[in-house]
Amino acid sequence: MAGAGISLAQMAGVIHIIGADTSADMLRQAAALPGEQDTIVSIGPVRRGEGFDRDTVSIRAPLGSGTLAGLQLSRFPNDAELLHAWSPSAATTAQWAARGRPILLSLPHLRGVHQADIAISGCFDGLWTLTTPTDPQRRVLIALGLDPKRVFVLPPTAQYHGNPNERRAEIRNELGLDDRHFLLAAAGEMVHANGHKQACWAHAMARILTDHTRLVFPGSGPARRAIETFARSTGHIGEIFFTGERLDPSDVLTAADAAIFLHRHDCGVGALAGAMACGLPTLASGRPEIADCAPDRRAALLSPPGDMRRAADDLLTLARDTELQKTLGREASILAAEKFAPDVTRTRLRTIYSTVLSGRS
């Protein structure tokens, strides 16, 4: 048990379940959204350092088995009305512990049919209701045949706490940068196919024509070593920074001049929301879920997915045009406050809970 004073017998409100496969985006949601009467259950130890600082009840299960964790959870009495799973394995746990109560499963993205299979089949079978971060992702699930009444949109939560101007100066000084440098941040959890290698390509291509562009990777993830190896292959590793856990990723974003998300596939929009909340203009692939959050030429410069030449051209355009940076960044900040502020997301989640509970048979 990670949190003092919490026990399974005291569970009320909503039980939130996280597991080893809960993404960094979903961990941030699970930390920010639960109410005071809710309880967070972790299958095994919690991955700290992802913006997750909540007390939890930890359930130990061999090999992190969601089924075994659910059987353990089902043995304890509690007054929770609903179970909210933040990953597919967490949904399996919820299924075994539900005892007729409704289950809500939140997905960070729809990348890969194998990752979505469990979620989709469970929704088809009536085991749970789903949420996605954006409406385009919801429409994809509906096109696959899911009942529109069982798929909701739960936007990511993003808000920067602190003095951005003060932290910007401190972080840039630590990185050895001055005002003439254009710092590009490739945010997001370092996992396979999350756009970090494409950020290295764009930086290397733009670097041919400009000598003041730099690239920073906030945070970390399981693919960090592979990304570092690729970054060295570009020949510009001395101008690429990996801040890891020594600097808060949100603080690193305040030091940047723009964010970059060159995803070829659906990788979620949590990191994009965080960059927008910091007032950063964005260079990104024009994927539907990204365009839904950061419209092209309004809060971002969007290029066709996989078109690295266009992405490099957009990078050069943005690096040379400070007025464009200010315009896109200002609009990004406004949109983030409208869409991703914690109060906005909490209100949306409460509405989803009410709808799910009212539809319980």
Protein backbone atom coordinates (compact mmCIF):
# COMPACT_ATOMS: atom_id res chain seq x y z
CA MET A 1 0.00 0.00 0.00
CA ALA A 2 1.45 3.31 -1.07
CA GLY A 3 -0.94 5.67 0.70
CA ALA A 4 -1.22 5.91 4.45
CA GLY A 5 -4.72 5.74 5.90
CA ILE A 6 -6.34 4.09 2.86
CA SER A 7 -7.83 0.60 2.98
CA LEU A 8 -9.91 -1.48 0.63
CA ALA A 9 -12.79 -1.49 3.11
CA GLN A 10 -13.01 2.29 2.85
CA MET A 11 -13.46 2.40 -0.91
CA ALA A 12 -16.35 4.57 -2.03
CA GLY A 13 -17.28 6.71 -5.01
CA VAL A 14 -15.26 5.40 -7.94
CA ILE A 15 -12.43 2.86 -7.93
CA HIS A 16 -9.71 3.88 -10.39
CA ILE A 17 -7.46 1.03 -11.53
CA ILE A 18 -4.00 1.46 -13.07
CA GLY A 19 -1.48 -1.17 -14.15
CA ALA A 20 1.92 -1.70 -15.72
CA ASP A 21 0.47 -0.99 -19.18
CA THR A 22 -1.09 2.33 -18.12
CA SER A 23 0.54 4.97 -20.32
CA ALA A 24 2.12 8.18 -19.05
CA ASP A 25 -0.82 10.14 -20.47
CA MET A 26 -3.32 8.02 -18.54
CA LEU A 27 -1.26 8.18 -15.34
CA ARG A 28 -1.49 11.97 -15.49
CA GLN A 29 -5.25 11.70 -15.95
CA ALA A 30 -5.59 9.20 -13.11
CA ALA A 31 -3.63 11.54 -10.85
CA ALA A 32 -5.55 14.70 -11.73
CA LEU A 33 -9.18 13.63 -12.04
CA PRO A 34 -10.29 11.36 -9.15
CA GLY A 35 -12.41 12.98 -6.46
CA GLU A 36 -11.82 13.00 -2.72
CA GLN A 37 -14.07 9.97 -2.17
CA ASP A 38 -12.45 7.94 -4.95
CA THR A 39 -9.74 5.31 -4.49
CA ILE A 40 -6.88 4.51 -6.85
CA VAL A 41 -5.84 0.85 -7.03
CA SER A 42 -2.50 -0.08 -8.59
CA ILE A 43 -1.76 -3.55 -9.94
CA GLY A 44 1.78 -3.79 -8.60
CA PRO A 45 3.99 -0.78 -7.83
CA VAL A 46 3.14 2.62 -9.31
CA ARG A 47 5.46 4.12 -11.92
CA ARG A 48 6.39 7.39 -10.24
CA GLY A 49 7.90 10.36 -12.06
CA GLU A 50 5.10 10.62 -14.65
CA GLY A 51 3.25 13.39 -12.87
CA PHE A 52 1.64 10.76 -10.62
CA ASP A 53 1.73 11.71 -6.95
CA ARG A 54 -1.50 10.23 -5.56
CA ASP A 55 -1.91 7.74 -2.72
CA THR A 56 -2.82 4.28 -3.93
CA VAL A 57 -3.80 0.83 -2.77
CA SER A 58 -1.35 -1.64 -4.30
CA ILE A 59 -2.49 -5.15 -5.19
CA ARG A 60 0.24 -7.70 -5.85
CA ALA A 61 -0.44 -10.26 -8.56
CA PRO A 62 2.02 -12.73 -10.16
CA LEU A 63 3.33 -11.31 -13.46
CA GLY A 64 0.97 -8.38 -13.01
CA SER A 65 -2.01 -10.57 -13.94
CA GLY A 66 -5.13 -8.47 -14.27
CA THR A 67 -7.32 -11.50 -13.63
CA LEU A 68 -5.60 -12.46 -10.38
CA ALA A 69 -5.61 -8.84 -9.24
CA GLY A 70 -9.34 -8.66 -9.96
CA LEU A 71 -10.01 -11.81 -7.94
CA GLN A 72 -8.15 -10.28 -5.00
CA LEU A 73 -10.02 -6.99 -5.31
CA SER A 74 -13.39 -8.77 -5.50
CA ARG A 75 -12.92 -10.27 -2.02
CA PHE A 76 -13.00 -6.90 -0.28
CA PRO A 77 -16.29 -5.13 0.50
CA ASN A 78 -16.60 -1.58 -0.76
CA ASP A 79 -19.28 0.96 -1.63
CA ALA A 80 -17.94 2.09 -5.02
CA GLU A 81 -20.61 2.63 -7.68
CA LEU A 82 -18.34 2.38 -10.70
CA LEU A 83 -14.90 1.10 -11.68
CA HIS A 84 -12.71 3.23 -13.95
CA ALA A 85 -9.89 1.34 -15.71
CA TRP A 86 -7.01 3.30 -17.21
CA SER A 87 -5.57 0.49 -19.40
CA PRO A 88 -6.70 -2.84 -20.92
CA SER A 89 -5.11 -4.92 -18.13
CA ALA A 90 -6.81 -2.67 -15.59
CA ALA A 91 -10.11 -3.35 -17.37
CA THR A 92 -9.55 -7.08 -16.93
CA THR A 93 -9.07 -6.48 -13.20
CA ALA A 94 -12.24 -4.39 -13.11
CA GLN A 95 -14.17 -7.11 -14.93
CA TRP A 96 -13.37 -9.68 -12.24
CA ALA A 97 -14.07 -7.25 -9.39
CA ALA A 98 -17.15 -5.46 -10.75
CA ARG A 99 -19.94 -7.65 -9.29
CA GLY A 100 -22.47 -6.10 -11.66
CA ARG A 101 -21.20 -2.55 -11.40
CA PRO A 102 -20.46 -0.59 -14.60
CA ILE A 103 -16.88 -0.30 -15.89
CA LEU A 104 -15.40 2.64 -17.80
CA LEU A 105 -12.18 2.04 -19.78
CA SER A 106 -10.15 5.07 -20.91
CA LEU A 107 -7.81 4.63 -23.88
CA PRO A 108 -4.89 7.03 -24.59
CA HIS A 109 -4.87 6.25 -28.32
CA LEU A 110 -6.00 3.70 -30.91
CA ARG A 111 -2.58 2.71 -32.23
CA GLY A 112 -2.41 -0.92 -33.36
CA VAL A 113 -5.32 -3.31 -33.61
CA HIS A 114 -3.67 -5.64 -31.11
CA GLN A 115 -3.74 -2.99 -28.40
CA ALA A 116 -7.35 -2.16 -29.17
CA ASP A 117 -8.62 -5.74 -29.54
CA ILE A 118 -9.31 -6.33 -25.84
CA ALA A 119 -10.89 -2.93 -25.44
CA ILE A 120 -13.10 -3.23 -28.50
CA SER A 121 -14.22 -6.81 -27.86
CA GLY A 122 -15.06 -5.96 -24.25
CA CYS A 123 -17.17 -3.03 -25.41
CA PHE A 124 -18.93 -5.22 -28.01
CA ASP A 125 -19.67 -7.76 -25.26
CA GLY A 126 -21.10 -5.08 -23.00
CA LEU A 127 -18.39 -5.48 -20.36
CA TRP A 128 -17.46 -1.80 -20.31
CA THR A 129 -17.88 1.63 -21.85
CA LEU A 130 -14.94 3.39 -23.55
CA THR A 131 -13.47 6.89 -23.62
CA THR A 132 -11.02 8.32 -26.15
CA PRO A 133 -9.18 11.67 -25.97
CA THR A 134 -10.71 13.19 -29.12
CA ASP A 135 -13.81 13.00 -31.28
CA PRO A 136 -11.97 11.69 -34.40
CA GLN A 137 -10.82 8.69 -32.34
CA ARG A 138 -14.36 8.16 -31.12
CA ARG A 139 -15.60 8.18 -34.72
CA VAL A 140 -13.05 5.48 -35.61
CA LEU A 141 -14.49 3.20 -32.94
CA ILE A 142 -18.04 3.90 -34.04
CA ALA A 143 -17.03 3.07 -37.63
CA LEU A 144 -15.81 -0.30 -36.32
CA GLY A 145 -19.34 -0.99 -35.18
CA LEU A 146 -19.37 0.11 -31.55
CA ASP A 147 -22.55 1.59 -30.12
CA PRO A 148 -22.17 5.41 -30.08
CA LYS A 149 -23.83 5.38 -26.64
CA ARG A 150 -20.91 3.34 -25.30
CA VAL A 151 -18.08 5.58 -26.54
CA PHE A 152 -17.34 8.99 -24.98
CA VAL A 153 -14.71 11.69 -25.40
CA LEU A 154 -12.56 12.46 -22.34
CA PRO A 155 -9.99 15.13 -23.27
CA PRO A 156 -6.53 15.10 -21.69
CA THR A 157 -5.85 17.27 -18.67
CA ALA A 158 -3.09 19.85 -18.97
CA GLN A 159 -2.22 22.93 -16.98
CA TYR A 160 1.17 24.43 -16.18
CA HIS A 161 1.78 25.37 -12.54
CA GLY A 162 4.60 27.78 -11.87
CA ASN A 163 6.26 30.87 -13.26
CA PRO A 164 6.99 30.09 -16.93
CA ASN A 165 9.29 33.06 -17.51
CA GLU A 166 11.39 32.26 -14.46
CA ARG A 167 11.64 28.55 -15.27
CA ARG A 168 12.40 29.29 -18.93
CA ALA A 169 15.47 31.33 -18.00
CA GLU A 170 16.65 28.73 -15.48
CA ILE A 171 16.27 25.74 -17.79
CA ARG A 172 17.84 27.44 -20.81
CA ASN A 173 20.77 28.52 -18.67
CA GLU A 174 21.22 24.94 -17.46
CA LEU A 175 21.19 23.71 -21.07
CA GLY A 176 23.72 26.37 -22.10
CA LEU A 177 21.33 28.21 -24.41
CA ASP A 178 20.79 31.91 -24.96
CA ASP A 179 18.04 33.92 -26.66
CA ARG A 180 19.40 33.38 -30.16
CA HIS A 181 18.83 29.60 -29.96
CA PHE A 182 15.56 28.12 -31.24
CA LEU A 183 14.75 25.19 -28.95
CA LEU A 184 12.44 22.47 -30.22
CA ALA A 185 10.87 20.07 -27.68
CA ALA A 186 9.94 16.52 -28.69
CA ALA A 187 7.62 15.77 -25.78
CA GLY A 188 5.78 12.59 -24.93
CA GLU A 189 6.68 9.27 -23.38
CA MET A 190 9.64 7.63 -25.12
CA VAL A 191 7.99 4.55 -26.55
CA HIS A 192 8.22 2.91 -29.97
CA ALA A 193 6.80 4.91 -32.91
CA ASN A 194 6.02 7.98 -30.80
CA GLY A 195 7.64 10.43 -33.25
CA HIS A 196 10.97 11.00 -31.48
CA LYS A 197 13.13 9.67 -34.32
CA GLN A 198 11.20 11.81 -36.79
CA ALA A 199 12.01 14.82 -34.60
CA CYS A 200 15.71 13.96 -34.96
CA TRP A 201 15.32 13.78 -38.74
CA ALA A 202 13.56 17.14 -38.92
CA HIS A 203 16.22 18.74 -36.72
CA ALA A 204 19.06 17.30 -38.82
CA MET A 205 17.47 18.50 -42.07
CA ALA A 206 16.81 21.99 -40.73
CA ARG A 207 20.29 22.11 -39.21
CA ILE A 208 21.79 22.14 -42.72
CA LEU A 209 20.37 25.63 -43.27
CA THR A 210 20.45 27.08 -39.75
CA ASP A 211 22.99 26.81 -36.95
CA HIS A 212 20.85 27.96 -34.03
CA THR A 213 18.21 25.19 -33.85
CA ARG A 214 18.41 22.82 -30.89
CA LEU A 215 16.32 19.80 -29.86
CA VAL A 216 15.34 18.62 -26.38
CA PHE A 217 13.66 15.41 -25.24
CA PRO A 218 11.86 15.93 -21.91
CA GLY A 219 11.15 12.91 -19.74
CA SER A 220 12.02 9.34 -20.53
CA GLY A 221 10.54 5.95 -21.43
CA PRO A 222 11.43 2.38 -22.45
CA ALA A 223 12.68 3.44 -25.91
CA ARG A 224 15.05 6.13 -24.65
CA ARG A 225 18.25 4.18 -25.39
CA ALA A 226 17.16 3.47 -28.97
CA ILE A 227 16.28 7.15 -29.49
CA GLU A 228 19.65 8.28 -28.11
CA THR A 229 21.42 5.87 -30.48
CA PHE A 230 19.46 7.24 -33.42
CA ALA A 231 20.17 10.83 -32.38
CA ARG A 232 23.91 10.12 -32.43
CA SER A 233 23.61 8.84 -35.99
CA THR A 234 22.44 12.26 -37.21
CA GLY A 235 25.80 13.83 -36.41
CA HIS A 236 24.25 16.52 -34.19
CA ILE A 237 24.13 14.80 -30.80
CA GLY A 238 25.92 17.79 -29.24
CA GLU A 239 22.87 19.91 -30.04
CA ILE A 240 20.31 17.41 -28.73
CA PHE A 241 19.45 17.27 -25.03
CA PHE A 242 17.99 14.35 -23.05
CA THR A 243 16.81 15.74 -19.71
CA GLY A 244 15.36 12.49 -18.33
CA GLU A 245 14.07 12.72 -14.78
CA ARG A 246 16.47 15.40 -13.61
CA LEU A 247 14.19 18.15 -14.93
CA ASP A 248 10.40 18.28 -14.81
CA PRO A 249 9.08 17.79 -18.38
CA SER A 250 6.63 20.69 -17.96
CA ASP A 251 9.44 23.00 -16.92
CA VAL A 252 11.47 21.90 -19.95
CA LEU A 253 8.53 22.81 -22.19
CA THR A 254 8.53 26.36 -20.84
CA ALA A 255 12.15 26.67 -21.99
CA ALA A 256 11.28 25.61 -25.54
CA ASP A 257 10.22 27.79 -28.46
CA ALA A 258 8.09 25.13 -30.15
CA ALA A 259 6.97 21.52 -29.75
CA ILE A 260 7.20 18.79 -32.36
CA PHE A 261 4.93 15.73 -32.80
CA LEU A 262 5.62 13.97 -36.10
CA HIS A 263 3.53 10.86 -35.45
CA ARG A 264 2.78 8.57 -38.37
CA HIS A 265 0.22 6.68 -36.27
CA ASP A 266 -2.20 7.51 -33.48
CA CYS A 267 0.00 8.07 -30.41
CA GLY A 268 -2.44 10.07 -28.31
CA VAL A 269 -2.60 13.78 -27.62
CA GLY A 270 -1.73 14.11 -23.93
CA ALA A 271 1.76 15.46 -24.56
CA LEU A 272 0.39 17.82 -27.21
CA ALA A 273 -2.11 19.18 -24.70
CA GLY A 274 0.72 19.78 -22.24
CA ALA A 275 2.73 21.70 -24.83
CA MET A 276 -0.29 23.82 -25.75
CA ALA A 277 -0.92 24.60 -22.07
CA CYS A 278 2.62 25.99 -21.94
CA GLY A 279 1.78 28.28 -24.88
CA LEU A 280 4.00 26.53 -27.42
CA PRO A 281 3.42 26.62 -31.17
CA THR A 282 3.50 23.13 -32.61
CA LEU A 283 5.00 21.35 -35.59
CA ALA A 284 3.05 18.15 -36.08
CA SER A 285 1.69 15.52 -38.42
CA GLY A 286 -1.73 16.37 -39.70
CA ARG A 287 -3.38 13.34 -38.15
CA PRO A 288 -7.09 13.76 -37.33
CA GLU A 289 -6.69 13.59 -33.55
CA ILE A 290 -3.85 16.15 -33.64
CA ALA A 291 -5.73 18.54 -35.95
CA ASP A 292 -8.76 18.28 -33.66
CA CYS A 293 -6.68 19.68 -30.78
CA ALA A 294 -4.35 22.05 -32.64
CA PRO A 295 -5.86 23.26 -35.93
CA ASP A 296 -3.46 23.91 -38.81
CA ARG A 297 -2.25 27.53 -39.16
CA ARG A 298 -4.18 28.41 -36.01
CA ALA A 299 -2.21 26.68 -33.22
CA ALA A 300 0.16 24.52 -35.26
CA LEU A 301 1.86 23.92 -38.58
CA LEU A 302 0.66 20.51 -39.73
CA SER A 303 2.32 18.39 -42.42
CA PRO A 304 1.22 15.11 -44.04
CA PRO A 305 2.27 12.13 -41.86
CA GLY A 306 5.65 10.83 -43.01
CA ASP A 307 6.46 13.87 -45.16
CA MET A 308 9.80 14.82 -43.58
CA ARG A 309 10.67 17.39 -46.25
CA ARG A 310 7.48 19.33 -45.52
CA ALA A 311 8.08 19.02 -41.77
CA ALA A 312 11.62 20.40 -42.14
CA ASP A 313 10.29 23.28 -44.25
CA ASP A 314 7.72 24.09 -41.55
CA LEU A 315 10.46 23.98 -38.94
CA LEU A 316 12.56 26.50 -40.86
CA THR A 317 9.53 28.74 -41.39
CA LEU A 318 8.68 28.75 -37.71
CA ALA A 319 12.27 29.19 -36.53
CA ARG A 320 12.66 32.30 -38.70
CA ASP A 321 9.30 33.95 -37.94
CA THR A 322 8.96 35.14 -34.34
CA GLU A 323 5.57 36.72 -35.00
CA LEU A 324 4.24 33.40 -36.25
CA GLN A 325 5.60 31.73 -33.11
CA LYS A 326 3.75 34.23 -30.93
CA THR A 327 0.50 33.94 -32.89
CA LEU A 328 0.40 30.15 -32.86
CA GLY A 329 1.53 29.95 -29.23
CA ARG A 330 -1.06 32.44 -28.05
CA GLU A 331 -3.86 30.53 -29.77
CA ALA A 332 -2.54 27.22 -28.43
CA SER A 333 -2.72 28.59 -24.89
CA ILE A 334 -6.29 29.78 -25.40
CA LEU A 335 -7.42 26.46 -26.84
CA ALA A 336 -5.71 24.54 -24.04
CA ALA A 337 -7.55 26.58 -21.41
CA GLU A 338 -10.85 25.90 -23.19
CA LYS A 339 -10.32 22.18 -23.80
CA PHE A 340 -7.81 20.77 -21.32
CA ALA A 341 -8.06 22.75 -18.07
CA PRO A 342 -8.55 20.35 -15.12
CA ASP A 343 -11.95 21.81 -14.21
CA VAL A 344 -13.15 21.33 -17.78
CA THR A 345 -12.03 17.71 -17.88
CA ARG A 346 -13.39 16.92 -14.40
CA THR A 347 -16.79 18.29 -15.38
CA ARG A 348 -16.75 16.18 -18.53
CA LEU A 349 -15.80 13.07 -16.55
CA ARG A 350 -18.59 13.62 -14.03
CA THR A 351 -21.05 13.86 -16.92
CA ILE A 352 -19.74 10.59 -18.35
CA TYR A 353 -20.05 8.89 -14.95
CA SER A 354 -23.63 10.10 -14.58
CA THR A 355 -24.53 8.87 -18.05
CA VAL A 356 -22.96 5.45 -17.50
CA LEU A 357 -24.62 5.03 -14.09
CA SER A 358 -28.03 6.12 -15.40
CA GLY A 359 -27.80 3.49 -18.13
CA ARG A 360 -27.07 0.64 -15.72
CA SER A 361 -29.68 -2.07 -15.93
